[in-house]
Amino acid sequence: GGEPLLDNQLLSILETLKLKTDAKIELYTGLGMSELRFKNMISKLKNVKNLLIKVSAENIQSHLEFNRYGIVWADFKKKIELMKESNIPFQFHCTLSNLSLFGFKEFYNYYKNEKIDVTFAYQPRMMAPYVLDDISKTTIKDAIELLPKEVKDPIIKSIKNTPTELEKLNIKELLLEFTKRRQLTLEIFPKSFLEWLQLEKML
């Protein structure tokens, strides 16, 4: 985990591992490195037996660039294609929060031919999927209606609880600080969500 593909010792560690022949090696990455470094790593990683790269992502385009700050969508797509071309096994690991739920349907449909595992963020509590306004919850339910039942049902269950005022206040403060430090806009989020947080003036 972390960002193992930035670790200069990674390849030497993998080469010295003594594992059973059926053991699997999983590397979690957000693909947050230069394309040149990634190409270099891929050329060597494709020789590692039983390797599975788990790509941490939940969104595409501007939603990806907001929730996975530092990642550029065009570069992200290129790296996915490089793994395919190199025949390196990979799958997506999605951690859905109240912020990454917006736009998840688009991600799922874009990469629906790949293996996608979904988990949910409940720590910190302010980022739990249910910390949303009712209109946004309804919009998300409608958006994912055509997704497979095994994907759709856990999402619907994850947004059922009612957020506390403290959770609501905390996610508001996080968004204020996050956007201020990184000079980001909140326009990717629905108006109802921002009004609920009293952040509509930031549109």
N, C-alpha and C. Protein backbone atom coordinates (compact mmCIF):
# COMPACT_ATOMS: atom_id res chain seq x y z
N GLY A 1 0.82 -1.20 0.00
CA GLY A 1 0.00 0.00 0.00
C GLY A 1 0.85 1.25 0.00
N GLY A 2 0.24 2.38 0.31
CA GLY A 2 0.92 3.66 0.21
C GLY A 2 1.04 4.02 -1.26
N GLU A 3 2.21 4.10 -1.78
CA GLU A 3 2.44 4.17 -3.22
C GLU A 3 3.69 3.37 -3.51
N PRO A 4 3.54 2.04 -3.54
CA PRO A 4 4.70 1.15 -3.67
C PRO A 4 5.51 1.36 -4.94
N LEU A 5 4.87 1.86 -5.99
CA LEU A 5 5.60 2.03 -7.25
C LEU A 5 6.56 3.22 -7.22
N LEU A 6 6.54 3.97 -6.12
CA LEU A 6 7.52 5.04 -5.93
C LEU A 6 8.70 4.58 -5.07
N ASP A 7 8.63 3.36 -4.58
CA ASP A 7 9.69 2.81 -3.72
C ASP A 7 10.81 2.23 -4.58
N ASN A 8 11.98 2.79 -4.48
CA ASN A 8 13.11 2.32 -5.29
C ASN A 8 13.56 0.92 -4.91
N GLN A 9 13.15 0.45 -3.74
CA GLN A 9 13.55 -0.89 -3.29
C GLN A 9 12.53 -1.96 -3.67
N LEU A 10 11.41 -1.55 -4.27
CA LEU A 10 10.32 -2.49 -4.52
C LEU A 10 10.76 -3.70 -5.34
N LEU A 11 11.43 -3.48 -6.44
CA LEU A 11 11.79 -4.58 -7.33
C LEU A 11 12.75 -5.55 -6.66
N SER A 12 13.72 -5.01 -5.93
CA SER A 12 14.68 -5.90 -5.26
C SER A 12 13.98 -6.71 -4.17
N ILE A 13 13.01 -6.11 -3.50
CA ILE A 13 12.25 -6.84 -2.48
C ILE A 13 11.46 -7.97 -3.12
N LEU A 14 10.78 -7.68 -4.22
CA LEU A 14 9.99 -8.71 -4.90
C LEU A 14 10.86 -9.85 -5.40
N GLU A 15 12.06 -9.52 -5.84
CA GLU A 15 12.96 -10.54 -6.37
C GLU A 15 13.47 -11.48 -5.28
N THR A 16 13.55 -10.99 -4.04
CA THR A 16 14.10 -11.81 -2.96
C THR A 16 13.02 -12.53 -2.13
N LEU A 17 11.75 -12.25 -2.43
CA LEU A 17 10.69 -12.92 -1.68
C LEU A 17 10.71 -14.42 -1.95
N LYS A 18 10.57 -15.18 -0.90
CA LYS A 18 10.49 -16.64 -1.04
C LYS A 18 9.07 -17.05 -0.68
N LEU A 19 8.27 -17.25 -1.72
CA LEU A 19 6.85 -17.54 -1.52
C LEU A 19 6.49 -18.90 -2.09
N LYS A 20 5.40 -19.44 -1.62
CA LYS A 20 4.88 -20.68 -2.20
C LYS A 20 4.48 -20.40 -3.65
N THR A 21 4.49 -21.41 -4.46
CA THR A 21 4.23 -21.21 -5.89
C THR A 21 2.84 -20.66 -6.17
N ASP A 22 1.89 -20.91 -5.25
CA ASP A 22 0.52 -20.43 -5.48
C ASP A 22 0.23 -19.12 -4.74
N ALA A 23 1.25 -18.55 -4.11
CA ALA A 23 1.05 -17.30 -3.37
C ALA A 23 0.85 -16.14 -4.35
N LYS A 24 0.03 -15.19 -3.96
CA LYS A 24 -0.22 -14.02 -4.80
C LYS A 24 0.36 -12.76 -4.15
N ILE A 25 0.88 -11.89 -4.99
CA ILE A 25 1.41 -10.61 -4.53
C ILE A 25 0.46 -9.51 -5.01
N GLU A 26 -0.07 -8.74 -4.08
CA GLU A 26 -0.97 -7.65 -4.44
C GLU A 26 -0.31 -6.31 -4.14
N LEU A 27 -0.27 -5.45 -5.13
CA LEU A 27 0.26 -4.10 -4.96
C LEU A 27 -0.87 -3.10 -5.15
N TYR A 28 -1.11 -2.29 -4.12
CA TYR A 28 -2.14 -1.26 -4.21
C TYR A 28 -1.50 0.05 -4.65
N THR A 29 -2.05 0.65 -5.68
CA THR A 29 -1.48 1.88 -6.21
C THR A 29 -2.57 2.80 -6.73
N GLY A 30 -2.32 4.09 -6.62
CA GLY A 30 -3.21 5.08 -7.21
C GLY A 30 -2.66 5.56 -8.55
N LEU A 31 -1.56 4.96 -8.98
CA LEU A 31 -0.87 5.32 -10.24
C LEU A 31 -0.35 6.75 -10.20
N GLY A 32 0.06 7.17 -9.01
CA GLY A 32 0.52 8.55 -8.83
C GLY A 32 2.01 8.72 -9.04
N MET A 33 2.47 8.43 -10.23
CA MET A 33 3.87 8.64 -10.57
C MET A 33 3.94 9.06 -12.04
N SER A 34 5.10 9.52 -12.47
CA SER A 34 5.24 9.96 -13.85
C SER A 34 5.06 8.78 -14.81
N GLU A 35 4.68 9.11 -16.04
CA GLU A 35 4.48 8.06 -17.04
C GLU A 35 5.80 7.35 -17.34
N LEU A 36 6.89 8.10 -17.36
CA LEU A 36 8.20 7.50 -17.63
C LEU A 36 8.56 6.47 -16.56
N ARG A 37 8.37 6.85 -15.29
CA ARG A 37 8.68 5.91 -14.21
C ARG A 37 7.75 4.70 -14.28
N PHE A 38 6.50 4.94 -14.59
CA PHE A 38 5.54 3.83 -14.66
C PHE A 38 5.93 2.85 -15.77
N LYS A 39 6.32 3.37 -16.93
CA LYS A 39 6.74 2.50 -18.02
C LYS A 39 7.94 1.66 -17.61
N ASN A 40 8.88 2.28 -16.91
CA ASN A 40 10.07 1.57 -16.45
C ASN A 40 9.70 0.47 -15.46
N MET A 41 8.80 0.80 -14.53
CA MET A 41 8.38 -0.19 -13.54
C MET A 41 7.63 -1.35 -14.19
N ILE A 42 6.75 -1.00 -15.11
CA ILE A 42 5.94 -2.02 -15.78
C ILE A 42 6.81 -3.00 -16.55
N SER A 43 7.84 -2.50 -17.19
CA SER A 43 8.73 -3.37 -17.98
C SER A 43 9.38 -4.44 -17.11
N LYS A 44 9.54 -4.13 -15.82
CA LYS A 44 10.16 -5.08 -14.90
C LYS A 44 9.12 -5.90 -14.13
N LEU A 45 8.01 -5.26 -13.79
CA LEU A 45 6.97 -5.95 -13.02
C LEU A 45 6.30 -7.07 -13.81
N LYS A 46 6.32 -6.96 -15.13
CA LYS A 46 5.64 -7.99 -15.91
C LYS A 46 6.34 -9.35 -15.80
N ASN A 47 7.54 -9.35 -15.25
CA ASN A 47 8.26 -10.61 -15.05
C ASN A 47 8.06 -11.20 -13.66
N VAL A 48 7.32 -10.48 -12.80
CA VAL A 48 7.06 -10.96 -11.45
C VAL A 48 5.89 -11.94 -11.47
N LYS A 49 6.10 -13.14 -10.99
CA LYS A 49 5.06 -14.16 -11.01
C LYS A 49 3.98 -13.87 -9.96
N ASN A 50 2.76 -14.23 -10.32
CA ASN A 50 1.61 -14.14 -9.41
C ASN A 50 1.36 -12.73 -8.88
N LEU A 51 1.69 -11.73 -9.71
CA LEU A 51 1.51 -10.34 -9.30
C LEU A 51 0.12 -9.85 -9.73
N LEU A 52 -0.55 -9.15 -8.82
CA LEU A 52 -1.81 -8.50 -9.14
C LEU A 52 -1.72 -7.05 -8.68
N ILE A 53 -1.90 -6.12 -9.61
CA ILE A 53 -1.91 -4.70 -9.27
C ILE A 53 -3.34 -4.27 -9.01
N LYS A 54 -3.58 -3.70 -7.84
CA LYS A 54 -4.91 -3.23 -7.47
C LYS A 54 -4.90 -1.71 -7.53
N VAL A 55 -5.61 -1.18 -8.48
CA VAL A 55 -5.63 0.26 -8.74
C VAL A 55 -6.73 0.92 -7.92
N SER A 56 -6.33 1.85 -7.06
CA SER A 56 -7.28 2.57 -6.22
C SER A 56 -7.89 3.72 -7.00
N ALA A 57 -9.16 3.60 -7.34
CA ALA A 57 -9.86 4.66 -8.08
C ALA A 57 -11.36 4.37 -8.02
N GLU A 58 -12.14 5.45 -8.09
CA GLU A 58 -13.60 5.33 -8.03
C GLU A 58 -14.31 6.20 -9.06
N ASN A 59 -13.54 7.08 -9.69
CA ASN A 59 -14.15 8.08 -10.58
C ASN A 59 -13.34 8.26 -11.84
N ILE A 60 -13.90 9.02 -12.78
CA ILE A 60 -13.20 9.40 -14.00
C ILE A 60 -13.21 10.93 -14.11
N GLN A 61 -12.42 11.43 -15.02
CA GLN A 61 -12.40 12.86 -15.35
C GLN A 61 -12.24 13.76 -14.12
N SER A 62 -13.05 14.82 -14.02
CA SER A 62 -12.86 15.81 -12.96
C SER A 62 -13.11 15.24 -11.57
N HIS A 63 -13.98 14.25 -11.46
CA HIS A 63 -14.24 13.63 -10.15
C HIS A 63 -13.00 12.85 -9.68
N LEU A 64 -12.34 12.16 -10.60
CA LEU A 64 -11.10 11.47 -10.25
C LEU A 64 -10.05 12.47 -9.80
N GLU A 65 -9.91 13.55 -10.53
CA GLU A 65 -8.87 14.54 -10.23
C GLU A 65 -9.13 15.27 -8.91
N PHE A 66 -10.38 15.35 -8.50
CA PHE A 66 -10.70 15.96 -7.21
C PHE A 66 -10.46 14.96 -6.08
N ASN A 67 -11.06 13.78 -6.18
CA ASN A 67 -10.99 12.80 -5.09
C ASN A 67 -9.64 12.11 -4.98
N ARG A 68 -8.91 12.04 -6.07
CA ARG A 68 -7.55 11.47 -6.06
C ARG A 68 -6.59 12.57 -6.47
N TYR A 69 -6.59 13.62 -5.68
CA TYR A 69 -5.85 14.84 -6.02
C TYR A 69 -4.40 14.52 -6.39
N GLY A 70 -3.96 15.10 -7.50
CA GLY A 70 -2.61 14.85 -7.99
C GLY A 70 -2.60 13.93 -9.20
N ILE A 71 -3.72 13.23 -9.42
CA ILE A 71 -3.86 12.35 -10.57
C ILE A 71 -4.54 13.11 -11.71
N VAL A 72 -4.01 12.98 -12.91
CA VAL A 72 -4.61 13.59 -14.10
C VAL A 72 -5.31 12.49 -14.89
N TRP A 73 -6.56 12.70 -15.23
CA TRP A 73 -7.37 11.67 -15.88
C TRP A 73 -6.71 11.13 -17.15
N ALA A 74 -6.20 12.01 -18.00
CA ALA A 74 -5.58 11.56 -19.26
C ALA A 74 -4.39 10.65 -18.98
N ASP A 75 -3.58 10.98 -17.98
CA ASP A 75 -2.42 10.15 -17.61
C ASP A 75 -2.87 8.83 -17.02
N PHE A 76 -3.92 8.88 -16.20
CA PHE A 76 -4.46 7.67 -15.57
C PHE A 76 -4.88 6.67 -16.64
N LYS A 77 -5.61 7.13 -17.64
CA LYS A 77 -6.07 6.24 -18.72
C LYS A 77 -4.88 5.61 -19.44
N LYS A 78 -3.85 6.41 -19.70
CA LYS A 78 -2.67 5.89 -20.40
C LYS A 78 -2.02 4.75 -19.61
N LYS A 79 -1.94 4.91 -18.30
CA LYS A 79 -1.30 3.89 -17.46
C LYS A 79 -2.11 2.60 -17.43
N ILE A 80 -3.43 2.74 -17.44
CA ILE A 80 -4.27 1.54 -17.51
C ILE A 80 -4.03 0.81 -18.82
N GLU A 81 -3.94 1.56 -19.91
CA GLU A 81 -3.70 0.94 -21.21
C GLU A 81 -2.32 0.29 -21.27
N LEU A 82 -1.34 0.89 -20.62
CA LEU A 82 0.01 0.31 -20.58
C LEU A 82 0.00 -1.04 -19.88
N MET A 83 -0.76 -1.15 -18.80
CA MET A 83 -0.85 -2.43 -18.10
C MET A 83 -1.51 -3.48 -18.97
N LYS A 84 -2.53 -3.07 -19.69
CA LYS A 84 -3.20 -4.01 -20.60
C LYS A 84 -2.24 -4.49 -21.68
N GLU A 85 -1.52 -3.54 -22.28
CA GLU A 85 -0.58 -3.89 -23.33
C GLU A 85 0.53 -4.81 -22.84
N SER A 86 0.91 -4.67 -21.58
CA SER A 86 1.97 -5.49 -20.99
C SER A 86 1.45 -6.78 -20.39
N ASN A 87 0.14 -6.99 -20.48
CA ASN A 87 -0.50 -8.20 -19.94
C ASN A 87 -0.25 -8.38 -18.44
N ILE A 88 -0.22 -7.27 -17.73
CA ILE A 88 -0.06 -7.33 -16.28
C ILE A 88 -1.45 -7.41 -15.64
N PRO A 89 -1.71 -8.44 -14.86
CA PRO A 89 -3.03 -8.56 -14.23
C PRO A 89 -3.30 -7.39 -13.28
N PHE A 90 -4.47 -6.80 -13.42
CA PHE A 90 -4.84 -5.70 -12.52
C PHE A 90 -6.34 -5.73 -12.32
N GLN A 91 -6.76 -5.07 -11.27
CA GLN A 91 -8.18 -4.84 -11.04
C GLN A 91 -8.33 -3.55 -10.26
N PHE A 92 -9.54 -3.05 -10.21
CA PHE A 92 -9.79 -1.80 -9.50
C PHE A 92 -10.28 -2.07 -8.09
N HIS A 93 -9.79 -1.26 -7.17
CA HIS A 93 -10.27 -1.29 -5.79
C HIS A 93 -10.89 0.07 -5.49
N CYS A 94 -12.20 0.11 -5.36
CA CYS A 94 -12.93 1.36 -5.15
C CYS A 94 -13.34 1.49 -3.69
N THR A 95 -12.98 2.60 -3.08
CA THR A 95 -13.41 2.91 -1.72
C THR A 95 -14.41 4.06 -1.81
N LEU A 96 -15.68 3.73 -1.66
CA LEU A 96 -16.73 4.73 -1.87
C LEU A 96 -17.00 5.52 -0.60
N SER A 97 -16.93 6.83 -0.75
CA SER A 97 -17.25 7.76 0.33
C SER A 97 -18.40 8.64 -0.14
N ASN A 98 -18.82 9.56 0.71
CA ASN A 98 -19.87 10.49 0.28
C ASN A 98 -19.41 11.35 -0.89
N LEU A 99 -18.12 11.60 -1.02
CA LEU A 99 -17.60 12.43 -2.11
C LEU A 99 -17.36 11.63 -3.38
N SER A 100 -16.89 10.40 -3.25
CA SER A 100 -16.59 9.61 -4.45
C SER A 100 -17.80 8.88 -5.02
N LEU A 101 -18.92 8.87 -4.27
CA LEU A 101 -20.14 8.27 -4.81
C LEU A 101 -20.64 9.05 -6.02
N PHE A 102 -20.46 10.38 -5.98
CA PHE A 102 -20.85 11.20 -7.13
C PHE A 102 -19.93 10.84 -8.29
N GLY A 103 -20.49 10.34 -9.36
CA GLY A 103 -19.68 9.99 -10.52
C GLY A 103 -19.22 8.54 -10.55
N PHE A 104 -19.54 7.76 -9.51
CA PHE A 104 -19.10 6.36 -9.52
C PHE A 104 -19.75 5.59 -10.65
N LYS A 105 -21.01 5.88 -10.96
CA LYS A 105 -21.68 5.18 -12.05
C LYS A 105 -20.89 5.32 -13.35
N GLU A 106 -20.40 6.54 -13.63
CA GLU A 106 -19.63 6.77 -14.84
C GLU A 106 -18.34 5.96 -14.85
N PHE A 107 -17.70 5.87 -13.68
CA PHE A 107 -16.49 5.05 -13.57
C PHE A 107 -16.82 3.58 -13.85
N TYR A 108 -17.87 3.09 -13.22
CA TYR A 108 -18.24 1.68 -13.38
C TYR A 108 -18.53 1.36 -14.85
N ASN A 109 -19.28 2.23 -15.49
CA ASN A 109 -19.63 1.98 -16.89
C ASN A 109 -18.41 2.09 -17.80
N TYR A 110 -17.47 2.97 -17.47
CA TYR A 110 -16.27 3.14 -18.29
C TYR A 110 -15.37 1.91 -18.20
N TYR A 111 -15.28 1.33 -17.01
CA TYR A 111 -14.37 0.20 -16.79
C TYR A 111 -15.11 -1.10 -16.46
N LYS A 112 -16.35 -1.21 -16.91
CA LYS A 112 -17.17 -2.37 -16.54
C LYS A 112 -16.63 -3.70 -17.04
N ASN A 113 -15.74 -3.67 -18.00
CA ASN A 113 -15.16 -4.92 -18.50
C ASN A 113 -13.97 -5.38 -17.68
N GLU A 114 -13.59 -4.58 -16.69
CA GLU A 114 -12.49 -4.95 -15.79
C GLU A 114 -13.06 -5.43 -14.46
N LYS A 115 -12.24 -6.09 -13.68
CA LYS A 115 -12.64 -6.53 -12.35
C LYS A 115 -12.68 -5.31 -11.42
N ILE A 116 -13.81 -5.13 -10.74
CA ILE A 116 -13.99 -3.98 -9.85
C ILE A 116 -14.45 -4.47 -8.48
N ASP A 117 -13.63 -4.22 -7.45
CA ASP A 117 -14.01 -4.51 -6.06
C ASP A 117 -14.44 -3.21 -5.39
N VAL A 118 -15.51 -3.27 -4.62
CA VAL A 118 -16.03 -2.07 -3.96
C VAL A 118 -16.04 -2.25 -2.45
N THR A 119 -15.45 -1.29 -1.75
CA THR A 119 -15.56 -1.22 -0.30
C THR A 119 -16.06 0.19 0.05
N PHE A 120 -16.32 0.42 1.34
CA PHE A 120 -16.90 1.69 1.75
C PHE A 120 -16.07 2.35 2.84
N ALA A 121 -16.02 3.68 2.77
CA ALA A 121 -15.26 4.46 3.75
C ALA A 121 -16.17 4.84 4.91
N TYR A 122 -15.82 4.40 6.11
CA TYR A 122 -16.58 4.79 7.30
C TYR A 122 -15.69 5.50 8.32
N GLN A 123 -14.42 5.63 7.99
CA GLN A 123 -13.48 6.38 8.81
C GLN A 123 -12.68 7.30 7.91
N PRO A 124 -12.63 8.58 8.21
CA PRO A 124 -13.35 9.26 9.28
C PRO A 124 -14.86 9.29 9.01
N ARG A 125 -15.65 9.39 10.06
CA ARG A 125 -17.10 9.29 9.94
C ARG A 125 -17.68 10.34 8.99
N MET A 126 -17.07 11.49 8.93
CA MET A 126 -17.60 12.56 8.08
C MET A 126 -17.60 12.18 6.60
N MET A 127 -16.82 11.15 6.22
CA MET A 127 -16.76 10.74 4.83
C MET A 127 -17.56 9.47 4.56
N ALA A 128 -18.34 9.04 5.52
CA ALA A 128 -19.19 7.87 5.33
C ALA A 128 -20.18 8.15 4.20
N PRO A 129 -20.55 7.15 3.43
CA PRO A 129 -21.44 7.37 2.28
C PRO A 129 -22.77 8.04 2.62
N TYR A 130 -23.28 7.80 3.83
CA TYR A 130 -24.59 8.35 4.19
C TYR A 130 -24.56 9.83 4.57
N VAL A 131 -23.37 10.43 4.67
CA VAL A 131 -23.29 11.85 5.03
C VAL A 131 -23.57 12.68 3.78
N LEU A 132 -24.84 12.66 3.39
CA LEU A 132 -25.34 13.32 2.20
C LEU A 132 -26.73 13.88 2.46
N ASP A 133 -27.14 14.81 1.64
CA ASP A 133 -28.52 15.31 1.71
C ASP A 133 -29.46 14.31 1.03
N ASP A 134 -30.73 14.40 1.33
CA ASP A 134 -31.71 13.45 0.81
C ASP A 134 -31.85 13.51 -0.71
N ILE A 135 -31.75 14.70 -1.28
CA ILE A 135 -31.87 14.82 -2.74
C ILE A 135 -30.71 14.09 -3.43
N SER A 136 -29.51 14.27 -2.90
CA SER A 136 -28.34 13.59 -3.47
C SER A 136 -28.48 12.07 -3.35
N LYS A 137 -29.00 11.62 -2.22
CA LYS A 137 -29.20 10.17 -2.05
C LYS A 137 -30.14 9.62 -3.10
N THR A 138 -31.23 10.34 -3.34
CA THR A 138 -32.19 9.90 -4.36
C THR A 138 -31.56 9.91 -5.74
N THR A 139 -30.79 10.96 -6.03
CA THR A 139 -30.11 11.07 -7.33
C THR A 139 -29.14 9.92 -7.55
N ILE A 140 -28.40 9.57 -6.50
CA ILE A 140 -27.44 8.45 -6.60
C ILE A 140 -28.17 7.13 -6.81
N LYS A 141 -29.26 6.93 -6.08
CA LYS A 141 -30.05 5.70 -6.26
C LYS A 141 -30.54 5.57 -7.70
N ASP A 142 -31.03 6.67 -8.25
CA ASP A 142 -31.51 6.66 -9.63
C ASP A 142 -30.36 6.39 -10.60
N ALA A 143 -29.21 6.97 -10.33
CA ALA A 143 -28.05 6.84 -11.23
C ALA A 143 -27.55 5.41 -11.31
N ILE A 144 -27.60 4.69 -10.20
CA ILE A 144 -27.03 3.34 -10.17
C ILE A 144 -28.07 2.25 -10.41
N GLU A 145 -29.27 2.66 -10.76
CA GLU A 145 -30.37 1.70 -10.91
C GLU A 145 -30.05 0.56 -11.87
N LEU A 146 -29.30 0.84 -12.92
CA LEU A 146 -29.01 -0.18 -13.93
C LEU A 146 -27.71 -0.93 -13.68
N LEU A 147 -27.01 -0.60 -12.59
CA LEU A 147 -25.79 -1.34 -12.27
C LEU A 147 -26.16 -2.72 -11.75
N PRO A 148 -25.24 -3.69 -11.83
CA PRO A 148 -25.54 -5.04 -11.33
C PRO A 148 -25.99 -5.01 -9.87
N LYS A 149 -26.88 -5.90 -9.52
CA LYS A 149 -27.46 -5.95 -8.19
C LYS A 149 -26.40 -6.05 -7.10
N GLU A 150 -25.34 -6.83 -7.36
CA GLU A 150 -24.30 -7.03 -6.34
C GLU A 150 -23.49 -5.75 -6.10
N VAL A 151 -23.55 -4.82 -7.05
CA VAL A 151 -22.90 -3.52 -6.88
C VAL A 151 -23.89 -2.51 -6.31
N LYS A 152 -25.08 -2.49 -6.87
CA LYS A 152 -26.10 -1.50 -6.50
C LYS A 152 -26.59 -1.65 -5.07
N ASP A 153 -26.93 -2.85 -4.65
CA ASP A 153 -27.56 -3.05 -3.33
C ASP A 153 -26.68 -2.59 -2.16
N PRO A 154 -25.38 -2.94 -2.13
CA PRO A 154 -24.54 -2.45 -1.03
C PRO A 154 -24.44 -0.92 -0.99
N ILE A 155 -24.47 -0.28 -2.15
CA ILE A 155 -24.41 1.18 -2.18
C ILE A 155 -25.67 1.77 -1.58
N ILE A 156 -26.80 1.24 -1.96
CA ILE A 156 -28.08 1.73 -1.41
C ILE A 156 -28.11 1.54 0.10
N LYS A 157 -27.62 0.41 0.56
CA LYS A 157 -27.57 0.16 2.01
C LYS A 157 -26.63 1.14 2.71
N SER A 158 -25.53 1.49 2.04
CA SER A 158 -24.50 2.34 2.67
C SER A 158 -24.97 3.77 2.90
N ILE A 159 -25.99 4.22 2.17
CA ILE A 159 -26.43 5.62 2.30
C ILE A 159 -27.72 5.76 3.12
N LYS A 160 -28.16 4.68 3.74
CA LYS A 160 -29.44 4.71 4.46
C LYS A 160 -29.42 5.52 5.75
N ASN A 161 -28.33 5.44 6.49
CA ASN A 161 -28.30 6.11 7.79
C ASN A 161 -28.45 7.63 7.65
N THR A 162 -28.84 8.25 8.76
CA THR A 162 -28.98 9.70 8.80
C THR A 162 -27.72 10.31 9.41
N PRO A 163 -27.11 11.27 8.73
CA PRO A 163 -25.88 11.88 9.27
C PRO A 163 -26.17 12.75 10.48
N THR A 164 -25.19 12.83 11.37
CA THR A 164 -25.31 13.72 12.52
C THR A 164 -24.90 15.13 12.10
N GLU A 165 -25.26 16.10 12.92
CA GLU A 165 -24.87 17.48 12.64
C GLU A 165 -23.35 17.64 12.68
N LEU A 166 -22.69 16.87 13.56
CA LEU A 166 -21.23 16.94 13.65
C LEU A 166 -20.59 16.40 12.38
N GLU A 167 -21.10 15.28 11.86
CA GLU A 167 -20.56 14.72 10.61
C GLU A 167 -20.75 15.71 9.46
N LYS A 168 -21.90 16.34 9.43
CA LYS A 168 -22.20 17.34 8.40
C LYS A 168 -21.25 18.54 8.51
N LEU A 169 -21.05 19.01 9.71
CA LEU A 169 -20.14 20.14 9.94
C LEU A 169 -18.71 19.79 9.56
N ASN A 170 -18.29 18.58 9.91
CA ASN A 170 -16.91 18.17 9.65
C ASN A 170 -16.62 18.03 8.15
N ILE A 171 -17.59 17.49 7.38
CA ILE A 171 -17.33 17.36 5.94
C ILE A 171 -17.34 18.74 5.29
N LYS A 172 -18.13 19.65 5.81
CA LYS A 172 -18.12 21.03 5.31
C LYS A 172 -16.74 21.66 5.54
N GLU A 173 -16.21 21.49 6.74
CA GLU A 173 -14.89 22.07 7.06
C GLU A 173 -13.79 21.44 6.22
N LEU A 174 -13.90 20.13 6.01
CA LEU A 174 -12.89 19.46 5.17
C LEU A 174 -12.91 20.03 3.76
N LEU A 175 -14.08 20.19 3.18
CA LEU A 175 -14.18 20.71 1.82
C LEU A 175 -13.67 22.14 1.73
N LEU A 176 -13.96 22.93 2.73
CA LEU A 176 -13.47 24.30 2.76
C LEU A 176 -11.94 24.33 2.75
N GLU A 177 -11.33 23.53 3.61
CA GLU A 177 -9.87 23.50 3.71
C GLU A 177 -9.23 22.88 2.47
N PHE A 178 -9.82 21.78 2.01
CA PHE A 178 -9.27 21.04 0.87
C PHE A 178 -9.24 21.91 -0.38
N THR A 179 -10.35 22.59 -0.64
CA THR A 179 -10.43 23.42 -1.84
C THR A 179 -9.56 24.67 -1.72
N LYS A 180 -9.47 25.21 -0.52
CA LYS A 180 -8.66 26.41 -0.31
C LYS A 180 -7.18 26.11 -0.53
N ARG A 181 -6.69 25.02 0.07
CA ARG A 181 -5.27 24.68 -0.04
C ARG A 181 -4.86 24.32 -1.46
N ARG A 182 -5.77 23.69 -2.18
CA ARG A 182 -5.42 23.18 -3.51
C ARG A 182 -6.04 23.99 -4.65
N GLN A 183 -6.72 25.07 -4.28
CA GLN A 183 -7.34 25.95 -5.26
C GLN A 183 -8.24 25.16 -6.22
N LEU A 184 -9.12 24.37 -5.64
CA LEU A 184 -10.07 23.55 -6.39
C LEU A 184 -11.45 24.18 -6.35
N THR A 185 -12.30 23.75 -7.26
CA THR A 185 -13.68 24.20 -7.28
C THR A 185 -14.60 23.05 -6.85
N LEU A 186 -15.76 23.42 -6.31
CA LEU A 186 -16.74 22.42 -5.88
C LEU A 186 -17.83 22.20 -6.92
N GLU A 187 -17.63 22.73 -8.11
CA GLU A 187 -18.70 22.68 -9.11
C GLU A 187 -19.02 21.27 -9.59
N ILE A 188 -18.18 20.30 -9.28
CA ILE A 188 -18.47 18.92 -9.69
C ILE A 188 -19.58 18.30 -8.84
N PHE A 189 -19.89 18.91 -7.69
CA PHE A 189 -20.89 18.35 -6.79
C PHE A 189 -22.27 18.97 -7.05
N PRO A 190 -23.33 18.21 -6.80
CA PRO A 190 -24.69 18.73 -7.02
C PRO A 190 -24.99 19.94 -6.15
N LYS A 191 -25.83 20.81 -6.67
CA LYS A 191 -26.21 22.03 -5.96
C LYS A 191 -26.89 21.70 -4.63
N SER A 192 -27.69 20.64 -4.61
CA SER A 192 -28.41 20.27 -3.38
C SER A 192 -27.44 19.90 -2.25
N PHE A 193 -26.35 19.23 -2.61
CA PHE A 193 -25.35 18.84 -1.62
C PHE A 193 -24.65 20.07 -1.05
N LEU A 194 -24.30 20.99 -1.93
CA LEU A 194 -23.61 22.20 -1.48
C LEU A 194 -24.54 23.11 -0.68
N GLU A 195 -25.79 23.18 -1.07
CA GLU A 195 -26.76 23.98 -0.30
C GLU A 195 -26.96 23.37 1.08
N TRP A 196 -27.01 22.08 1.15
CA TRP A 196 -27.16 21.36 2.43
C TRP A 196 -26.01 21.70 3.37
N LEU A 197 -24.83 21.84 2.78
CA LEU A 197 -23.63 22.18 3.56
C LEU A 197 -23.42 23.69 3.69
N GLN A 198 -24.32 24.44 3.07
CA GLN A 198 -24.20 25.90 3.05
C GLN A 198 -22.88 26.34 2.38
N LEU A 199 -22.59 25.66 1.28
CA LEU A 199 -21.39 25.97 0.50
C LEU A 199 -21.74 26.43 -0.91
N GLU A 200 -23.00 26.73 -1.16
CA GLU A 200 -23.43 27.07 -2.51
C GLU A 200 -22.75 28.33 -3.04
N LYS A 201 -22.29 29.19 -2.13
CA LYS A 201 -21.60 30.41 -2.56
C LYS A 201 -20.25 30.12 -3.22
N MET A 202 -19.77 28.88 -3.06
CA MET A 202 -18.47 28.52 -3.64
C MET A 202 -18.59 28.04 -5.07
N LEU A 203 -19.80 28.00 -5.59
CA LEU A 203 -19.98 27.59 -6.98
C LEU A 203 -19.47 28.68 -7.92
